[in-house]
Amino acid sequence: ASLDETLPRQRTGLVYDTRMEAHRSPGAFHPEQPLRITAIFAALADQGLAQKCWRVPARNATQSELVSVHTAQHVQNICNLASKSQGDLNDMASDLNSVYLCPESGNAALLASGSVVEATRLVCQNKIARACCVVRPPGHHALPSCAMGFCLFGNVAVAAKEARKRGWAQRVLIFDWDVHHGNGTQKMFWEDDTVLVFSVHRHDKGNFYPGGPEGDNYWVGEGDGRGYNINVPWPKSGAGDQEYKAVVDELLRPIAKEYKPDLVLISAGFDAAQGDPLGGCHITPDGYYLMTKACKEIANGKVVIALEGGYSLRATAQSMAACVQALLDPSKELKRPSTDGASSAPSSPPAAAGPIYLEAIEEARKVQAHFWKSVRKADDALDDRRFRSPSPAPSSRACRSTAPKSAGGWQVKRDSSSSATSTPMTSPGATISFDSKSVGGTPSTSSKNWLVRLDTTPPFLKNAGNEKTPPPAFAGSAADSSVSSEDSRGSSVSVVSSPATPATPALPSVTNPRSASGLRSTVGRNNSANSRGSGSRGSGSSTRSWQGWDDDSD
């Protein structure tokens, strides 16, 4: 028997609940889609990882937990979504920055936050050693007073605050590796020295979402929290395994050793993964495995991973699987083993980190040298004027969208001849193109160039040639018949469900290590006609099958 089967303190917990799939776009396609968590769980089951984990039942967050980081009004607004019509929800979402809402969104958000809190409690109380939370909607953009950037509640922030409030942990490290800056998490702990927020993200001089200066390296916190907010902003797309390894080695490890946290929470966005349509970065599953292993060296291995972004179904699923593999692996080996036991590391030496990224790391180090001896060098100049006076406080300007409804948000263009190259998302109104030839051009019906536009209003999928709107995705209807087989790049997921989760689970005690047994799943390619954005749910059957958009090319 493995350690995970015999010793409670060696168990790895896993949260997954299909009720979080109910949060979905009221229009058609949206990249923050229900299939994200379905594909992850299918990959975990395929690789035998889910069966090795102890299932932690999901639960709703309580009001007292949520108001520790959010205003009571915001909590009430989200909890009341079920009582509103879809039209009212559309109007409500149009006033927010990159958010969609449906009547089921509130319950999904409550489950996402409560589940991360519950997993954190079990880890801190030594009921399990570590945990992975496959939850949605994500959380790190949510602000104290409003939803933002696909996020309704700050899932990881709520868990960190609850751990401190309940005395489960004295010092908490939040490591946010999502490609977007976790502006909401930063704001919630801006003046708190008991939670160290460490974020590595694309910044592009303030032009990458969420935009503005707040993700820059000199935003270090204020008051008691001064020096406890660490930003490593990438100046451009393209960072991969070696660049993120350098961040871990040069900054995260030494600062964490000096800070001595007794809990690590990972805001695990996988939109920096190779193949993601929005991030433009190149982290492989090996890279995520290495970063997770590095986090296990901190806080006596008390690590809780919570899903944030990640919009390629395949890349997100395989990346999270690598993280769970690292959580389960008791060795200190940093090379990820393959399923047959051989190392997955490349035989040739990895390329060195790019100079422009190393320069960004060094600039961040120089800033943090003002606060952390572990990264200080003898020739550091510690008299920068930016650190003689308080840092500017994060603004709350993002609560309401200021962009016109016809121009805000972001766009995705796709052509049937696409080779899945992309221009990553930058500021609101920017364009992501999977076919560089169609950038700035007018898509035609004959080219099957599909336009996905996410404005400040709920998104709709349109065939840009004739403005014909296909049926809503994932609603049991086929995609628009004008989509041809060569235009389709879907991923199919089939899951034979494990026993249904009760509608209102009691506060969990971890007693069911094999709730994933008997589950079969497949994550594969589907190039048949009508697969993009289509889905079906067979009534009265335990087998569910969907097809969803994935950008990867084989």
Protein backbone atom coordinates (compact mmCIF):
# COMPACT_ATOMS: atom_id res chain seq x y z
CA ALA A 1 0.00 0.00 0.00
CA SER A 2 1.19 3.51 -0.74
CA LEU A 3 1.65 6.19 1.86
CA ASP A 4 -1.45 7.91 0.53
CA GLU A 5 -3.51 4.84 1.43
CA THR A 6 -2.14 4.21 4.91
CA LEU A 7 -1.15 7.40 6.68
CA PRO A 8 -3.65 10.28 6.96
CA ARG A 9 -0.90 12.89 7.12
CA GLN A 10 0.46 11.70 3.79
CA ARG A 11 -2.83 11.89 1.93
CA THR A 12 -3.44 14.30 -0.92
CA GLY A 13 -6.94 15.76 -1.00
CA LEU A 14 -8.87 16.48 -4.18
CA VAL A 15 -11.91 18.73 -4.58
CA TYR A 16 -14.10 18.36 -7.64
CA ASP A 17 -17.84 18.89 -7.88
CA THR A 18 -19.91 18.94 -11.07
CA ARG A 19 -22.23 21.58 -9.61
CA MET A 20 -19.57 24.16 -10.43
CA GLU A 21 -20.20 23.39 -14.12
CA ALA A 22 -23.56 25.16 -13.83
CA HIS A 23 -21.83 28.56 -14.06
CA ARG A 24 -21.79 29.17 -17.80
CA SER A 25 -22.06 31.93 -20.35
CA PRO A 26 -25.65 32.94 -21.17
CA GLY A 27 -24.56 33.53 -24.74
CA ALA A 28 -22.51 30.96 -26.59
CA PHE A 29 -18.79 30.36 -26.23
CA HIS A 30 -16.69 31.74 -23.40
CA PRO A 31 -13.17 30.50 -22.59
CA GLU A 32 -13.98 30.25 -18.87
CA GLN A 33 -16.24 27.32 -19.61
CA PRO A 34 -17.56 24.35 -17.61
CA LEU A 35 -15.40 21.95 -19.60
CA ARG A 36 -12.29 23.33 -17.91
CA ILE A 37 -12.86 21.41 -14.69
CA THR A 38 -14.40 18.42 -16.49
CA ALA A 39 -11.29 18.00 -18.62
CA ILE A 40 -9.00 18.32 -15.59
CA PHE A 41 -10.80 15.64 -13.64
CA ALA A 42 -10.88 13.37 -16.69
CA ALA A 43 -7.12 13.74 -17.09
CA LEU A 44 -6.55 13.01 -13.41
CA ALA A 45 -8.63 9.86 -13.70
CA ASP A 46 -6.97 8.78 -16.96
CA GLN A 47 -3.56 8.96 -15.33
CA GLY A 48 -4.68 7.18 -12.17
CA LEU A 49 -4.11 10.27 -10.05
CA ALA A 50 -7.69 10.92 -8.94
CA GLN A 51 -7.90 7.40 -7.56
CA LYS A 52 -4.87 8.04 -5.34
CA CYS A 53 -6.39 11.17 -3.81
CA TRP A 54 -8.85 11.47 -0.95
CA ARG A 55 -11.96 13.21 -2.19
CA VAL A 56 -12.82 16.29 -0.16
CA PRO A 57 -16.54 17.08 -0.54
CA ALA A 58 -17.24 20.58 -1.77
CA ARG A 59 -19.17 22.95 0.47
CA ASN A 60 -20.51 26.47 0.29
CA ALA A 61 -18.55 29.32 1.79
CA THR A 62 -20.25 31.02 4.71
CA GLN A 63 -21.06 34.69 4.87
CA SER A 64 -18.56 35.24 7.69
CA GLU A 65 -15.81 33.67 5.56
CA LEU A 66 -16.60 35.80 2.52
CA VAL A 67 -16.94 39.13 4.30
CA SER A 68 -13.43 38.74 5.68
CA VAL A 69 -12.18 39.94 2.27
CA HIS A 70 -15.34 41.16 0.50
CA THR A 71 -17.91 43.79 1.32
CA ALA A 72 -21.23 42.54 2.65
CA GLN A 73 -22.98 44.17 -0.30
CA HIS A 74 -20.88 42.28 -2.84
CA VAL A 75 -21.52 38.98 -1.05
CA GLN A 76 -25.25 39.71 -1.02
CA ASN A 77 -25.22 40.63 -4.70
CA ILE A 78 -23.66 37.31 -5.69
CA CYS A 79 -25.87 35.28 -3.37
CA ASN A 80 -28.97 36.90 -4.90
CA LEU A 81 -28.15 36.01 -8.51
CA ALA A 82 -30.49 33.01 -8.53
CA SER A 83 -33.50 35.26 -7.96
CA LYS A 84 -32.82 37.48 -10.99
CA SER A 85 -33.84 37.09 -14.61
CA GLN A 86 -31.17 36.54 -17.22
CA GLY A 87 -31.89 39.99 -18.63
CA ASP A 88 -31.21 41.60 -15.27
CA LEU A 89 -28.02 39.56 -14.93
CA ASN A 90 -26.87 40.69 -18.37
CA ASP A 91 -27.38 44.30 -17.32
CA MET A 92 -25.52 43.66 -14.08
CA ALA A 93 -22.61 42.01 -15.91
CA SER A 94 -22.42 44.86 -18.43
CA ASP A 95 -21.42 47.19 -15.61
CA LEU A 96 -18.53 44.92 -14.61
CA ASN A 97 -15.13 44.29 -16.12
CA SER A 98 -15.00 41.02 -18.10
CA VAL A 99 -17.66 39.09 -16.19
CA TYR A 100 -20.63 36.99 -17.26
CA LEU A 101 -23.45 35.89 -14.96
CA CYS A 102 -26.24 33.35 -14.97
CA PRO A 103 -28.69 32.33 -12.21
CA GLU A 104 -26.42 29.43 -11.19
CA SER A 105 -23.29 31.58 -10.93
CA GLY A 106 -23.77 32.44 -7.27
CA ASN A 107 -23.98 28.85 -6.11
CA ALA A 108 -20.92 27.87 -8.14
CA ALA A 109 -18.98 30.78 -6.65
CA LEU A 110 -20.02 29.79 -3.12
CA LEU A 111 -18.88 26.22 -3.76
CA ALA A 112 -15.56 27.33 -5.24
CA SER A 113 -14.66 29.54 -2.28
CA GLY A 114 -15.98 27.21 0.39
CA SER A 115 -14.17 24.22 -1.08
CA VAL A 116 -10.80 25.97 -1.01
CA VAL A 117 -11.43 27.00 2.60
CA GLU A 118 -12.36 23.43 3.54
CA ALA A 119 -9.30 21.93 1.85
CA THR A 120 -7.16 24.52 3.62
CA ARG A 121 -8.68 23.60 6.98
CA LEU A 122 -7.99 19.91 6.48
CA VAL A 123 -4.38 20.57 5.48
CA CYS A 124 -3.73 22.94 8.37
CA GLN A 125 -5.28 20.53 10.87
CA ASN A 126 -3.16 17.65 9.55
CA LYS A 127 -6.18 15.66 8.35
CA ILE A 128 -4.52 15.55 4.93
CA ALA A 129 -1.04 16.61 3.87
CA ARG A 130 -1.86 18.75 0.86
CA ALA A 131 -4.73 19.37 -1.54
CA CYS A 132 -5.76 20.26 -5.07
CA CYS A 133 -8.99 22.19 -5.66
CA VAL A 134 -10.45 21.86 -9.16
CA VAL A 135 -12.85 24.76 -8.81
CA ARG A 136 -14.48 27.49 -10.83
CA PRO A 137 -15.24 30.33 -11.26
CA PRO A 138 -11.68 31.52 -10.58
CA GLY A 139 -10.93 34.19 -7.99
CA HIS A 140 -7.73 36.21 -8.10
CA HIS A 141 -9.17 39.22 -10.00
CA ALA A 142 -12.23 39.59 -7.76
CA LEU A 143 -12.06 42.86 -5.82
CA PRO A 144 -13.40 43.44 -2.32
CA SER A 145 -16.51 45.18 -3.62
CA CYS A 146 -17.15 43.57 -7.01
CA ALA A 147 -16.53 40.76 -9.47
CA MET A 148 -13.90 41.20 -12.15
CA GLY A 149 -12.04 39.27 -14.82
CA PHE A 150 -14.12 36.04 -14.83
CA CYS A 151 -13.84 36.00 -10.99
CA LEU A 152 -16.72 36.39 -8.52
CA PHE A 153 -15.14 35.68 -5.10
CA GLY A 154 -11.46 35.66 -4.17
CA ASN A 155 -11.24 31.93 -3.47
CA VAL A 156 -7.61 31.80 -2.39
CA ALA A 157 -7.84 35.11 -0.54
CA VAL A 158 -10.84 33.89 1.45
CA ALA A 159 -8.94 30.72 2.41
CA ALA A 160 -5.84 32.67 3.42
CA LYS A 161 -7.83 35.09 5.55
CA GLU A 162 -9.77 32.27 7.19
CA ALA A 163 -6.55 30.40 7.97
CA ARG A 164 -5.24 33.47 9.75
CA LYS A 165 -8.51 34.29 11.50
CA ARG A 166 -8.99 30.74 12.78
CA GLY A 167 -5.37 30.34 13.82
CA TRP A 168 -4.78 27.50 11.37
CA ALA A 169 -1.65 29.29 10.15
CA GLN A 170 0.46 32.16 11.47
CA ARG A 171 1.99 33.14 8.14
CA VAL A 172 0.62 32.34 4.68
CA LEU A 173 2.41 32.46 1.34
CA ILE A 174 0.25 32.91 -1.76
CA PHE A 175 2.09 31.99 -4.95
CA ASP A 176 0.16 33.21 -7.99
CA TRP A 177 1.56 31.85 -11.26
CA ASP A 178 -1.45 32.73 -13.42
CA VAL A 179 -0.32 34.66 -16.50
CA HIS A 180 -2.47 37.62 -15.38
CA HIS A 181 -1.66 39.70 -12.33
CA GLY A 182 -3.78 38.78 -9.31
CA ASN A 183 -4.86 42.35 -8.66
CA GLY A 184 -7.74 41.35 -6.40
CA THR A 185 -5.58 39.22 -4.10
CA GLN A 186 -3.00 41.99 -3.96
CA LYS A 187 -5.59 44.53 -2.87
CA MET A 188 -7.00 42.29 -0.15
CA PHE A 189 -3.64 41.90 1.62
CA TRP A 190 -2.11 45.26 0.75
CA GLU A 191 -1.53 46.19 4.40
CA ASP A 192 -1.13 42.69 5.86
CA ASP A 193 2.23 41.25 6.89
CA THR A 194 0.79 37.85 7.80
CA VAL A 195 0.08 36.99 4.15
CA LEU A 196 2.90 37.26 1.62
CA VAL A 197 1.56 37.62 -1.93
CA PHE A 198 4.02 36.55 -4.64
CA SER A 199 2.87 36.97 -8.24
CA VAL A 200 4.73 36.30 -11.48
CA HIS A 201 2.76 37.42 -14.52
CA ARG A 202 2.79 39.15 -17.86
CA HIS A 203 2.65 42.90 -17.48
CA ASP A 204 3.83 44.32 -20.81
CA LYS A 205 4.37 47.74 -19.25
CA GLY A 206 0.81 47.85 -17.99
CA ASN A 207 -0.78 46.85 -21.30
CA PHE A 208 -1.65 43.25 -20.41
CA TYR A 209 -4.87 42.49 -18.56
CA PRO A 210 -5.84 43.67 -15.96
CA GLY A 211 -3.69 46.59 -17.08
CA GLY A 212 -2.24 49.63 -15.36
CA PRO A 213 0.76 49.96 -13.05
CA GLU A 214 -0.48 47.81 -10.17
CA GLY A 215 1.32 44.68 -11.35
CA ASP A 216 4.70 46.41 -11.54
CA ASN A 217 7.55 45.38 -9.29
CA TYR A 218 7.55 48.53 -7.17
CA TRP A 219 4.05 47.90 -5.85
CA VAL A 220 5.22 46.40 -2.58
CA GLY A 221 2.41 46.95 -0.09
CA GLU A 222 1.70 49.63 2.45
CA GLY A 223 1.73 50.01 6.23
CA ASP A 224 2.31 46.67 7.95
CA GLY A 225 2.16 45.02 4.55
CA ARG A 226 5.04 46.98 3.12
CA GLY A 227 7.45 44.50 1.54
CA TYR A 228 4.93 41.65 1.66
CA ASN A 229 3.65 42.12 -1.88
CA ILE A 230 6.04 40.81 -4.53
CA ASN A 231 5.44 41.27 -8.25
CA VAL A 232 7.64 39.78 -10.97
CA PRO A 233 6.27 41.38 -14.16
CA TRP A 234 7.25 39.93 -17.52
CA PRO A 235 7.78 42.66 -20.13
CA LYS A 236 6.50 40.53 -23.02
CA SER A 237 5.15 37.14 -24.00
CA GLY A 238 7.32 34.05 -24.40
CA ALA A 239 8.42 33.04 -20.89
CA GLY A 240 8.69 29.30 -20.32
CA ASP A 241 10.04 26.67 -17.97
CA GLN A 242 13.52 28.15 -17.54
CA GLU A 243 12.24 31.67 -16.86
CA TYR A 244 9.81 30.45 -14.20
CA LYS A 245 12.48 28.19 -12.70
CA ALA A 246 14.72 31.25 -12.40
CA VAL A 247 11.95 33.12 -10.53
CA VAL A 248 11.59 30.21 -8.12
CA ASP A 249 15.33 29.83 -7.57
CA GLU A 250 16.27 33.50 -7.39
CA LEU A 251 13.32 34.92 -5.50
CA LEU A 252 10.62 32.55 -4.25
CA ARG A 253 12.84 30.01 -2.48
CA PRO A 254 15.10 32.45 -0.61
CA ILE A 255 12.29 34.80 0.40
CA ALA A 256 10.08 31.92 1.52
CA LYS A 257 12.95 30.53 3.59
CA GLU A 258 13.32 33.91 5.28
CA TYR A 259 9.58 34.44 5.73
CA LYS A 260 8.95 30.93 7.10
CA PRO A 261 5.28 30.49 6.19
CA ASP A 262 3.36 27.55 7.63
CA LEU A 263 0.95 27.35 4.69
CA VAL A 264 1.35 27.77 0.92
CA LEU A 265 -1.67 28.55 -1.24
CA ILE A 266 -1.11 28.39 -5.00
CA SER A 267 -3.29 30.45 -7.33
CA ALA A 268 -2.78 27.99 -10.14
CA GLY A 269 -3.71 29.58 -13.41
CA PHE A 270 -2.60 27.60 -16.44
CA ASP A 271 -2.94 30.35 -19.02
CA ALA A 272 0.86 30.62 -19.05
CA ALA A 273 0.96 27.04 -20.33
CA GLN A 274 2.26 26.27 -23.77
CA GLY A 275 -0.72 26.23 -26.11
CA ASP A 276 -2.99 28.54 -24.13
CA PRO A 277 -4.83 30.92 -26.49
CA LEU A 278 -4.55 33.98 -24.23
CA GLY A 279 -1.26 33.82 -22.34
CA GLY A 280 1.43 33.67 -24.99
CA CYS A 281 3.82 31.83 -22.65
CA HIS A 282 5.34 28.37 -22.82
CA ILE A 283 5.33 26.54 -19.50
CA THR A 284 5.17 22.77 -20.00
CA PRO A 285 3.73 20.23 -17.56
CA ASP A 286 7.33 19.60 -16.47
CA GLY A 287 7.59 23.27 -15.50
CA TYR A 288 4.43 23.14 -13.39
CA TYR A 289 5.64 19.92 -11.79
CA LEU A 290 8.90 21.61 -10.81
CA MET A 291 7.18 24.69 -9.34
CA THR A 292 4.80 22.50 -7.32
CA LYS A 293 7.70 20.43 -6.02
CA ALA A 294 9.47 23.65 -5.00
CA CYS A 295 6.39 24.73 -3.05
CA LYS A 296 6.32 21.38 -1.25
CA GLU A 297 9.73 22.25 0.20
CA ILE A 298 8.08 25.21 1.99
CA ALA A 299 5.85 25.14 5.07
CA ASN A 300 6.54 21.46 5.77
CA GLY A 301 4.76 20.60 2.56
CA LYS A 302 1.42 22.14 3.52
CA VAL A 303 0.30 23.17 0.05
CA VAL A 304 -3.17 23.85 -1.33
CA ILE A 305 -3.56 24.35 -5.07
CA ALA A 306 -6.64 26.18 -6.39
CA LEU A 307 -7.47 26.52 -10.07
CA GLU A 308 -7.50 30.03 -11.51
CA GLY A 309 -7.22 30.59 -15.27
CA GLY A 310 -6.20 28.35 -18.16
CA TYR A 311 -8.21 28.23 -21.39
CA SER A 312 -6.75 25.42 -23.46
CA LEU A 313 -8.60 22.33 -22.28
CA ARG A 314 -5.75 19.99 -23.03
CA ALA A 315 -2.93 22.19 -21.74
CA THR A 316 -4.84 23.05 -18.57
CA ALA A 317 -5.76 19.43 -17.86
CA GLN A 318 -2.25 18.10 -18.44
CA SER A 319 -0.67 20.92 -16.43
CA MET A 320 -2.91 20.35 -13.42
CA ALA A 321 -2.24 16.63 -13.68
CA ALA A 322 1.48 17.37 -13.43
CA CYS A 323 0.83 19.43 -10.29
CA VAL A 324 -1.15 16.61 -8.67
CA GLN A 325 1.57 14.18 -9.66
CA ALA A 326 4.04 16.41 -7.81
CA LEU A 327 1.76 16.55 -4.75
CA LEU A 328 1.53 12.76 -4.66
CA ASP A 329 5.21 12.05 -5.28
CA PRO A 330 7.01 11.57 -1.91
CA SER A 331 10.49 11.88 -3.45
CA LYS A 332 12.49 15.07 -3.75
CA GLU A 333 13.22 14.44 -7.42
CA LEU A 334 12.50 17.52 -9.52
CA LYS A 335 12.22 15.68 -12.83
CA ARG A 336 8.70 14.58 -13.57
CA PRO A 337 8.39 10.81 -14.07
CA SER A 338 6.28 9.57 -16.94
CA THR A 339 3.54 6.98 -16.53
CA ASP A 340 5.99 4.16 -17.32
CA GLY A 341 8.42 5.38 -14.67
CA ALA A 342 10.93 6.95 -17.02
CA SER A 343 11.91 10.57 -16.64
CA SER A 344 10.02 12.98 -18.85
CA ALA A 345 12.89 15.45 -18.86
CA PRO A 346 14.41 16.15 -22.28
CA SER A 347 17.68 14.41 -23.07
CA SER A 348 19.34 17.62 -24.27
CA PRO A 349 20.18 20.41 -21.80
CA PRO A 350 17.36 22.96 -21.48
CA ALA A 351 17.80 26.37 -23.04
CA ALA A 352 18.88 29.15 -20.72
CA ALA A 353 16.36 31.73 -19.58
CA GLY A 354 16.04 34.65 -21.96
CA PRO A 355 18.00 37.82 -21.11
CA ILE A 356 14.95 40.09 -21.12
CA TYR A 357 13.25 37.88 -18.52
CA LEU A 358 16.39 37.59 -16.41
CA GLU A 359 16.53 41.38 -16.43
CA ALA A 360 12.92 41.51 -15.17
CA ILE A 361 13.81 39.08 -12.37
CA GLU A 362 16.83 41.15 -11.44
CA GLU A 363 14.79 44.34 -11.32
CA ALA A 364 12.28 42.65 -9.04
CA ARG A 365 15.14 41.38 -6.87
CA LYS A 366 16.55 44.88 -6.50
CA VAL A 367 13.16 46.10 -5.29
CA GLN A 368 12.76 43.26 -2.81
CA ALA A 369 16.33 43.73 -1.55
CA HIS A 370 14.92 46.69 0.37
CA PHE A 371 12.86 44.27 2.46
CA TRP A 372 14.47 40.81 2.30
CA LYS A 373 18.07 40.13 3.31
CA SER A 374 18.00 36.78 1.54
CA VAL A 375 18.02 38.43 -1.91
CA ARG A 376 20.28 41.36 -1.04
CA LYS A 377 23.65 41.83 -2.70
CA ALA A 378 26.60 43.87 -1.48
CA ASP A 379 26.36 46.43 -4.27
CA ASP A 380 22.60 47.01 -4.01
CA ALA A 381 21.57 50.65 -3.72
CA LEU A 382 18.92 50.77 -1.01
CA ASP A 383 18.03 54.45 -1.23
CA ASP A 384 15.46 54.37 -4.03
CA ARG A 385 13.00 57.22 -3.51
CA ARG A 386 10.09 54.95 -4.34
CA PHE A 387 10.66 53.18 -1.03
CA ARG A 388 11.10 56.22 1.18
CA SER A 389 7.38 56.97 1.07
CA PRO A 390 4.34 54.71 1.04
CA SER A 391 3.52 52.89 -2.16
CA PRO A 392 0.42 54.04 -4.00
CA ALA A 393 -2.63 52.11 -2.85
CA PRO A 394 -4.29 49.83 -5.40
CA SER A 395 -7.24 51.55 -6.96
CA SER A 396 -10.74 50.15 -7.20
CA ARG A 397 -11.24 51.69 -10.63
CA ALA A 398 -11.87 48.30 -12.20
CA CYS A 399 -15.19 47.63 -10.43
CA ARG A 400 -17.08 49.17 -13.29
CA SER A 401 -16.12 49.00 -16.90
CA THR A 402 -15.34 52.38 -18.43
CA ALA A 403 -14.96 51.05 -21.97
CA PRO A 404 -17.87 51.43 -24.41
CA LYS A 405 -19.85 48.22 -24.78
CA SER A 406 -18.93 47.99 -28.44
CA ALA A 407 -15.19 48.19 -27.84
CA GLY A 408 -14.31 46.75 -24.44
CA GLY A 409 -13.16 43.26 -23.58
CA TRP A 410 -11.14 41.14 -25.94
CA GLN A 411 -11.52 39.32 -29.22
CA VAL A 412 -10.58 35.95 -30.64
CA LYS A 413 -10.43 35.34 -34.37
CA ARG A 414 -10.12 31.88 -35.75
CA ASP A 415 -9.78 30.56 -39.28
CA SER A 416 -10.11 27.00 -40.54
CA SER A 417 -6.60 27.26 -41.97
CA SER A 418 -5.20 28.29 -38.58
CA SER A 419 -2.00 26.76 -37.32
CA ALA A 420 -2.94 27.85 -33.80
CA THR A 421 -0.45 30.69 -33.65
CA SER A 422 -1.62 33.56 -31.52
CA THR A 423 -1.17 37.16 -30.62
CA PRO A 424 -1.86 37.13 -26.86
CA MET A 425 -4.41 39.30 -25.12
CA THR A 426 -3.17 42.69 -24.07
CA SER A 427 -5.35 45.62 -23.12
CA PRO A 428 -9.13 45.79 -23.48
CA GLY A 429 -10.08 45.97 -27.12
CA ALA A 430 -7.00 44.05 -28.26
CA THR A 431 -7.31 41.22 -30.75
CA ILE A 432 -6.12 37.65 -30.44
CA SER A 433 -5.64 36.05 -33.82
CA PHE A 434 -5.06 32.40 -34.56
CA ASP A 435 -4.35 33.25 -38.16
CA SER A 436 -1.99 36.20 -38.58
CA LYS A 437 -3.30 36.75 -42.10
CA SER A 438 -6.68 37.76 -40.73
CA VAL A 439 -5.44 40.36 -38.25
CA GLY A 440 -7.19 43.61 -39.02
CA GLY A 441 -9.00 42.04 -41.95
CA THR A 442 -12.66 41.37 -42.54
CA PRO A 443 -13.47 37.68 -42.02
CA SER A 444 -15.44 36.06 -44.79
CA THR A 445 -18.12 33.41 -44.68
CA SER A 446 -16.17 31.20 -47.02
CA SER A 447 -13.10 31.14 -44.77
CA LYS A 448 -15.17 30.04 -41.76
CA ASN A 449 -13.33 32.65 -39.72
CA TRP A 450 -15.12 32.72 -36.38
CA LEU A 451 -15.14 35.78 -34.20
CA VAL A 452 -15.43 35.43 -30.44
CA ARG A 453 -15.86 38.80 -28.80
CA LEU A 454 -15.99 39.26 -25.07
CA ASP A 455 -17.11 42.78 -24.36
CA THR A 456 -18.38 44.33 -21.17
CA THR A 457 -21.69 42.70 -22.10
CA PRO A 458 -22.15 38.91 -22.07
CA PRO A 459 -20.33 37.26 -24.98
CA PHE A 460 -21.92 35.93 -28.13
CA LEU A 461 -20.41 33.79 -30.82
CA LYS A 462 -21.02 35.03 -34.35
CA ASN A 463 -20.03 33.91 -37.79
CA ALA A 464 -18.43 37.21 -38.72
CA GLY A 465 -19.27 36.81 -42.39
CA ASN A 466 -23.03 36.97 -42.06
CA GLU A 467 -23.61 37.78 -38.36
CA LYS A 468 -25.53 34.54 -37.94
CA THR A 469 -25.67 33.51 -34.30
CA PRO A 470 -25.45 29.75 -33.65
CA PRO A 471 -27.31 28.14 -30.75
CA PRO A 472 -25.82 28.54 -27.27
CA ALA A 473 -22.91 26.23 -26.55
CA PHE A 474 -23.25 23.40 -24.01
CA ALA A 475 -27.05 23.62 -24.12
CA GLY A 476 -27.72 20.30 -25.77
CA SER A 477 -27.92 21.60 -29.34
CA ALA A 478 -25.56 21.15 -32.25
CA ALA A 479 -23.25 23.91 -33.40
CA ASP A 480 -24.08 26.02 -36.42
CA SER A 481 -24.26 23.78 -39.47
CA SER A 482 -22.00 26.11 -41.43
CA VAL A 483 -18.99 24.90 -39.46
CA SER A 484 -17.12 22.39 -41.55
CA SER A 485 -14.96 19.50 -40.37
CA GLU A 486 -11.72 21.25 -41.25
CA ASP A 487 -12.89 24.25 -39.25
CA SER A 488 -13.34 22.22 -36.09
CA ARG A 489 -10.77 21.92 -33.34
CA GLY A 490 -12.77 20.43 -30.50
CA SER A 491 -11.71 18.26 -27.60
CA SER A 492 -14.08 15.56 -26.50
CA VAL A 493 -14.46 14.49 -22.91
CA SER A 494 -16.44 11.46 -21.84
CA VAL A 495 -16.89 10.73 -18.15
CA VAL A 496 -18.71 7.88 -16.49
CA SER A 497 -19.73 9.70 -13.37
CA SER A 498 -18.71 8.78 -9.87
CA PRO A 499 -21.53 8.78 -7.29
CA ALA A 500 -23.42 12.07 -7.33
CA THR A 501 -22.50 14.64 -4.74
CA PRO A 502 -25.38 15.38 -2.37
CA ALA A 503 -27.14 18.68 -3.02
CA THR A 504 -26.16 20.12 0.35
CA PRO A 505 -23.09 18.31 1.68
CA ALA A 506 -22.33 18.41 5.37
CA LEU A 507 -19.03 19.83 6.51
CA PRO A 508 -16.70 17.13 5.26
CA SER A 509 -14.71 14.55 7.10
CA VAL A 510 -12.36 12.77 4.74
CA THR A 511 -13.66 9.24 4.71
CA ASN A 512 -13.92 8.23 1.07
CA PRO A 513 -10.53 7.66 -0.56
CA ARG A 514 -11.99 5.73 -3.44
CA SER A 515 -14.92 7.84 -4.60
CA ALA A 516 -13.19 8.08 -7.97
CA SER A 517 -12.92 4.31 -8.37
CA GLY A 518 -14.82 2.85 -11.26
CA LEU A 519 -14.47 6.10 -13.19
CA ARG A 520 -13.37 5.92 -16.80
CA SER A 521 -12.55 8.95 -18.87
CA THR A 522 -10.99 9.97 -22.12
CA VAL A 523 -9.59 13.29 -23.21
CA GLY A 524 -8.85 13.30 -26.89
CA ARG A 525 -9.09 15.09 -30.17
CA ASN A 526 -12.35 15.34 -32.07
CA ASN A 527 -12.23 16.56 -35.64
CA SER A 528 -15.75 15.67 -36.67
CA ALA A 529 -18.14 18.21 -38.09
CA ASN A 530 -20.12 20.45 -35.79
CA SER A 531 -17.88 19.85 -32.78
CA ARG A 532 -16.91 23.42 -31.95
CA GLY A 533 -18.88 24.77 -29.04
CA SER A 534 -21.41 21.98 -29.15
CA GLY A 535 -22.53 19.77 -26.34
CA SER A 536 -25.05 17.21 -25.32
CA ARG A 537 -26.25 15.83 -22.02
CA GLY A 538 -28.04 12.50 -22.28
CA SER A 539 -31.01 12.50 -19.98
CA GLY A 540 -31.23 9.58 -17.60
CA SER A 541 -27.73 8.35 -18.44
CA SER A 542 -24.63 8.26 -16.30
CA THR A 543 -22.49 8.93 -19.35
CA ARG A 544 -22.00 12.53 -20.36
CA SER A 545 -20.28 13.74 -23.49
CA TRP A 546 -19.30 17.20 -24.57
CA GLN A 547 -17.14 18.76 -27.21
CA GLY A 548 -15.41 22.01 -26.44
CA TRP A 549 -13.06 24.42 -28.09
CA ASP A 550 -9.36 23.78 -27.66
CA ASP A 551 -6.63 25.67 -29.41
CA ASP A 552 -3.90 23.05 -29.42
CA SER A 553 -2.61 21.71 -32.70
CA ASP A 554 -1.31 18.17 -32.85
